[in-house]
N, C-alpha and C. Protein backbone atom coordinates (compact mmCIF):
# COMPACT_ATOMS: atom_id res chain seq x y z
N MET A 1 45.46 12.60 51.73
CA MET A 1 45.62 12.27 50.20
C MET A 1 45.99 13.58 49.72
N THR A 2 46.97 13.19 48.78
CA THR A 2 47.83 14.75 48.08
C THR A 2 47.34 14.68 46.68
N ASP A 3 47.33 13.71 46.16
CA ASP A 3 46.90 13.78 44.58
C ASP A 3 45.75 13.16 44.32
N TYR A 4 44.46 13.54 44.26
CA TYR A 4 43.17 12.73 43.88
C TYR A 4 42.25 13.34 43.08
N SER A 5 41.38 12.72 42.52
CA SER A 5 40.51 13.29 41.65
C SER A 5 39.17 13.41 42.46
N VAL A 6 38.41 14.41 42.20
CA VAL A 6 36.96 14.64 42.90
C VAL A 6 35.80 14.23 42.17
N VAL A 7 34.86 13.40 42.41
CA VAL A 7 33.84 13.01 41.61
C VAL A 7 32.69 13.98 42.31
N GLU A 8 32.09 14.73 41.67
CA GLU A 8 31.01 15.50 42.24
C GLU A 8 29.90 15.02 41.82
N LEU A 9 28.95 14.49 42.83
CA LEU A 9 27.66 14.05 42.75
C LEU A 9 26.71 15.00 42.93
N LYS A 10 25.63 15.10 41.93
CA LYS A 10 24.82 16.17 42.00
C LYS A 10 23.30 15.76 41.68
N GLY A 11 22.33 16.35 42.40
CA GLY A 11 20.99 15.96 42.13
C GLY A 11 20.62 14.70 42.97
N ALA A 12 19.59 14.07 42.67
CA ALA A 12 19.00 12.76 43.22
C ALA A 12 19.85 11.58 42.82
N LEU A 13 20.10 10.80 43.64
CA LEU A 13 20.80 9.41 43.39
C LEU A 13 19.92 8.45 43.64
N THR A 14 18.92 8.12 42.81
CA THR A 14 17.79 7.06 42.99
C THR A 14 17.76 6.15 41.71
N LEU A 15 16.86 5.20 41.96
CA LEU A 15 16.71 4.23 41.19
C LEU A 15 16.58 4.57 39.74
N GLU A 16 16.03 6.07 39.40
CA GLU A 16 16.02 6.79 38.17
C GLU A 16 17.16 7.06 37.63
N THR A 17 18.07 7.63 38.42
CA THR A 17 19.27 8.20 37.98
C THR A 17 20.51 7.47 38.14
N VAL A 18 20.51 6.50 39.06
CA VAL A 18 21.82 5.73 39.24
C VAL A 18 22.63 5.05 38.26
N ALA A 19 21.83 4.55 37.17
CA ALA A 19 22.23 4.00 36.11
C ALA A 19 23.41 4.58 35.30
N ALA A 20 22.84 6.11 35.01
CA ALA A 20 23.65 6.83 34.33
C ALA A 20 24.90 6.99 35.16
N TRP A 21 24.97 7.22 36.29
CA TRP A 21 26.13 7.30 37.09
C TRP A 21 27.06 6.27 37.14
N LEU A 22 26.53 5.05 37.24
CA LEU A 22 27.08 3.72 37.06
C LEU A 22 28.08 3.42 35.70
N GLY A 23 27.47 4.10 34.73
CA GLY A 23 28.08 3.91 33.26
C GLY A 23 29.05 4.89 33.05
N ARG A 24 29.27 5.68 33.92
CA ARG A 24 30.50 6.71 33.96
C ARG A 24 31.79 6.08 34.21
N ALA A 25 32.60 6.26 33.68
CA ALA A 25 34.19 5.91 33.90
C ALA A 25 34.82 7.07 35.15
N LEU A 26 35.22 6.22 35.93
CA LEU A 26 36.05 7.06 37.09
C LEU A 26 37.39 7.45 36.78
N PRO A 27 37.82 8.58 37.23
CA PRO A 27 38.95 9.31 36.75
C PRO A 27 40.03 8.27 37.47
N ALA A 28 41.33 8.24 37.02
CA ALA A 28 42.50 7.70 37.17
C ALA A 28 42.74 8.14 38.57
N GLY A 29 43.55 7.41 39.41
CA GLY A 29 44.22 7.81 40.72
C GLY A 29 43.15 7.69 41.94
N ASP A 30 43.62 8.14 42.83
CA ASP A 30 42.76 8.23 44.09
C ASP A 30 41.57 9.11 44.08
N LEU A 31 40.69 8.81 44.73
CA LEU A 31 39.42 9.43 44.38
C LEU A 31 38.51 9.97 45.64
N VAL A 32 38.03 11.31 45.56
CA VAL A 32 37.01 11.46 46.65
C VAL A 32 35.84 11.68 46.00
N PHE A 33 34.65 11.04 46.56
CA PHE A 33 33.40 11.14 45.97
C PHE A 33 32.51 12.23 47.06
N ASP A 34 32.41 13.42 46.27
CA ASP A 34 31.71 14.67 46.86
C ASP A 34 30.31 14.52 46.71
N PHE A 35 29.47 14.46 47.96
CA PHE A 35 28.09 14.29 47.98
C PHE A 35 27.34 15.42 48.31
N SER A 36 28.08 16.66 48.26
CA SER A 36 27.69 18.01 48.75
C SER A 36 26.46 18.43 47.87
N GLY A 37 26.40 18.20 46.69
CA GLY A 37 25.57 18.53 45.65
C GLY A 37 24.14 17.60 45.60
N VAL A 38 24.23 16.28 46.42
CA VAL A 38 23.16 15.53 46.33
C VAL A 38 22.01 16.03 46.92
N THR A 39 20.79 15.80 46.49
CA THR A 39 19.52 16.24 47.05
C THR A 39 18.65 15.28 47.52
N ARG A 40 18.68 14.02 47.11
CA ARG A 40 18.06 12.76 47.65
C ARG A 40 18.77 11.50 47.25
N VAL A 41 18.65 10.46 48.15
CA VAL A 41 19.30 9.24 47.74
C VAL A 41 18.25 8.15 48.21
N ASP A 42 18.27 6.83 47.52
CA ASP A 42 17.62 5.94 47.98
C ASP A 42 18.72 4.64 48.18
N SER A 43 18.30 3.45 48.25
CA SER A 43 19.04 2.36 48.50
C SER A 43 20.00 1.99 46.99
N SER A 44 19.65 2.70 45.92
CA SER A 44 20.52 2.84 44.73
C SER A 44 21.58 3.33 44.89
N ALA A 45 21.64 4.59 45.39
CA ALA A 45 22.83 5.20 45.86
C ALA A 45 23.59 4.58 46.54
N LEU A 46 23.43 3.69 47.49
CA LEU A 46 24.26 3.03 48.44
C LEU A 46 24.80 1.77 47.34
N ALA A 47 24.11 1.12 46.59
CA ALA A 47 24.64 0.36 45.67
C ALA A 47 25.65 0.72 44.92
N LEU A 48 25.35 2.14 44.38
CA LEU A 48 26.24 2.78 43.30
C LEU A 48 27.63 2.72 44.08
N LEU A 49 27.59 3.43 45.19
CA LEU A 49 28.79 3.66 45.97
C LEU A 49 29.57 2.30 46.54
N LEU A 50 28.97 1.29 46.67
CA LEU A 50 29.68 -0.04 47.01
C LEU A 50 30.18 -0.38 45.87
N ALA A 51 29.48 -0.30 44.57
CA ALA A 51 29.96 -0.85 43.29
C ALA A 51 31.38 0.02 42.92
N TRP A 52 31.20 1.26 43.12
CA TRP A 52 32.51 2.27 43.05
C TRP A 52 33.52 1.82 43.79
N LEU A 53 33.46 1.60 44.96
CA LEU A 53 34.20 1.12 45.97
C LEU A 53 34.90 -0.15 45.76
N ARG A 54 34.24 -0.94 45.32
CA ARG A 54 34.89 -2.21 45.10
C ARG A 54 35.85 -2.12 43.64
N ARG A 55 35.15 -1.51 42.86
CA ARG A 55 35.96 -1.23 41.52
C ARG A 55 37.37 -0.43 41.72
N SER A 56 37.15 0.62 42.57
CA SER A 56 38.34 1.48 43.05
C SER A 56 39.41 0.82 43.69
N ARG A 57 38.95 -0.03 44.65
CA ARG A 57 39.76 -0.87 45.51
C ARG A 57 40.62 -1.97 44.75
N ALA A 58 39.83 -2.44 44.06
CA ALA A 58 40.58 -3.45 43.21
C ALA A 58 41.80 -3.00 42.29
N ARG A 59 41.69 -1.71 42.00
CA ARG A 59 42.68 -0.86 41.20
C ARG A 59 43.71 -0.33 42.32
N GLY A 60 43.53 -0.72 43.47
CA GLY A 60 44.63 -0.01 44.52
C GLY A 60 44.43 1.32 44.82
N ARG A 61 43.21 1.93 44.47
CA ARG A 61 42.99 3.49 44.61
C ARG A 61 42.66 3.61 46.14
N VAL A 62 43.03 4.85 46.51
CA VAL A 62 42.35 5.31 47.82
C VAL A 62 41.16 6.14 47.42
N VAL A 63 40.00 5.87 48.41
CA VAL A 63 38.73 6.46 48.22
C VAL A 63 38.32 6.89 49.58
N GLU A 64 37.72 8.38 49.33
CA GLU A 64 37.48 9.02 50.53
C GLU A 64 35.93 9.59 50.10
N LEU A 65 35.01 9.40 51.06
CA LEU A 65 33.67 10.13 50.94
C LEU A 65 33.75 11.60 51.52
N ARG A 66 33.06 12.58 50.81
CA ARG A 66 33.05 13.89 51.54
C ARG A 66 31.60 14.32 51.50
N ALA A 67 31.08 14.72 52.58
CA ALA A 67 29.79 15.21 52.77
C ALA A 67 28.54 14.22 52.39
N PRO A 68 28.56 13.06 52.69
CA PRO A 68 27.51 12.32 52.46
C PRO A 68 26.36 12.44 53.30
N PRO A 69 25.27 12.44 52.55
CA PRO A 69 24.06 12.75 53.36
C PRO A 69 23.73 11.87 54.39
N GLU A 70 23.31 12.33 55.50
CA GLU A 70 22.77 11.54 56.73
C GLU A 70 21.99 10.43 56.22
N SER A 71 20.85 10.58 55.18
CA SER A 71 20.21 9.49 54.89
C SER A 71 20.86 8.29 54.34
N LEU A 72 21.83 8.57 53.39
CA LEU A 72 22.83 7.53 52.95
C LEU A 72 23.46 6.77 54.02
N LEU A 73 24.06 7.62 55.08
CA LEU A 73 24.75 7.03 55.99
C LEU A 73 23.55 6.12 56.78
N ALA A 74 22.25 6.55 56.99
CA ALA A 74 21.59 5.91 57.78
C ALA A 74 21.15 4.48 56.91
N LEU A 75 21.12 4.74 55.56
CA LEU A 75 20.92 3.53 54.87
C LEU A 75 21.94 2.37 55.08
N ALA A 76 23.13 2.75 55.13
CA ALA A 76 24.50 1.99 55.18
C ALA A 76 24.30 1.22 56.80
N ARG A 77 24.01 2.06 57.62
CA ARG A 77 23.86 1.28 58.95
C ARG A 77 22.83 0.29 58.90
N LEU A 78 21.53 0.61 58.23
CA LEU A 78 20.41 -0.22 58.10
C LEU A 78 20.66 -1.59 57.57
N TYR A 79 21.71 -1.54 56.57
CA TYR A 79 22.20 -2.57 55.75
C TYR A 79 23.62 -3.36 56.26
N GLY A 80 23.91 -2.73 57.41
CA GLY A 80 25.13 -3.25 57.93
C GLY A 80 26.63 -3.22 57.25
N VAL A 81 26.48 -1.97 56.27
CA VAL A 81 27.66 -1.59 55.62
C VAL A 81 28.57 -0.59 55.96
N ASP A 82 27.93 -0.05 56.83
CA ASP A 82 28.55 1.45 57.19
C ASP A 82 30.13 1.33 57.55
N ALA A 83 30.40 0.32 58.11
CA ALA A 83 31.86 0.11 58.43
C ALA A 83 32.66 0.10 56.98
N LEU A 84 32.30 -0.11 55.91
CA LEU A 84 32.78 -0.06 54.73
C LEU A 84 33.14 1.24 54.05
N LEU A 85 32.45 2.17 54.65
CA LEU A 85 32.52 3.45 53.90
C LEU A 85 33.61 4.35 54.54
N PRO A 86 34.55 4.80 53.40
CA PRO A 86 35.66 5.49 53.93
C PRO A 86 35.33 7.05 54.18
N LEU A 87 34.65 7.22 55.21
CA LEU A 87 34.35 8.71 55.60
C LEU A 87 35.74 9.51 55.67
N ALA A 88 35.69 10.63 55.39
CA ALA A 88 36.69 12.04 55.53
C ALA A 88 36.74 12.10 56.86
N ALA A 89 38.09 12.40 57.41
CA ALA A 89 38.22 12.61 58.97
C ALA A 89 37.66 14.10 59.20
């Protein structure tokens, strides 16, 4: 990706915090979701990510994940959606 916006996620992405993230507008253009500042996740984080992916892809955007926590990846595998995640090379 040459021209993209970075969405920096920070802190806990849990049932208590995800609603605030979901309400945020995503930047225009291609996106990188940077999880390097995330301290804790639950299945709500996966739901948030999948919602953002659907929204972004529907608008023809390229999306990449950066530094997703292993716990998020484990949840994605558990729910059988890991193949949907656009992991950085």
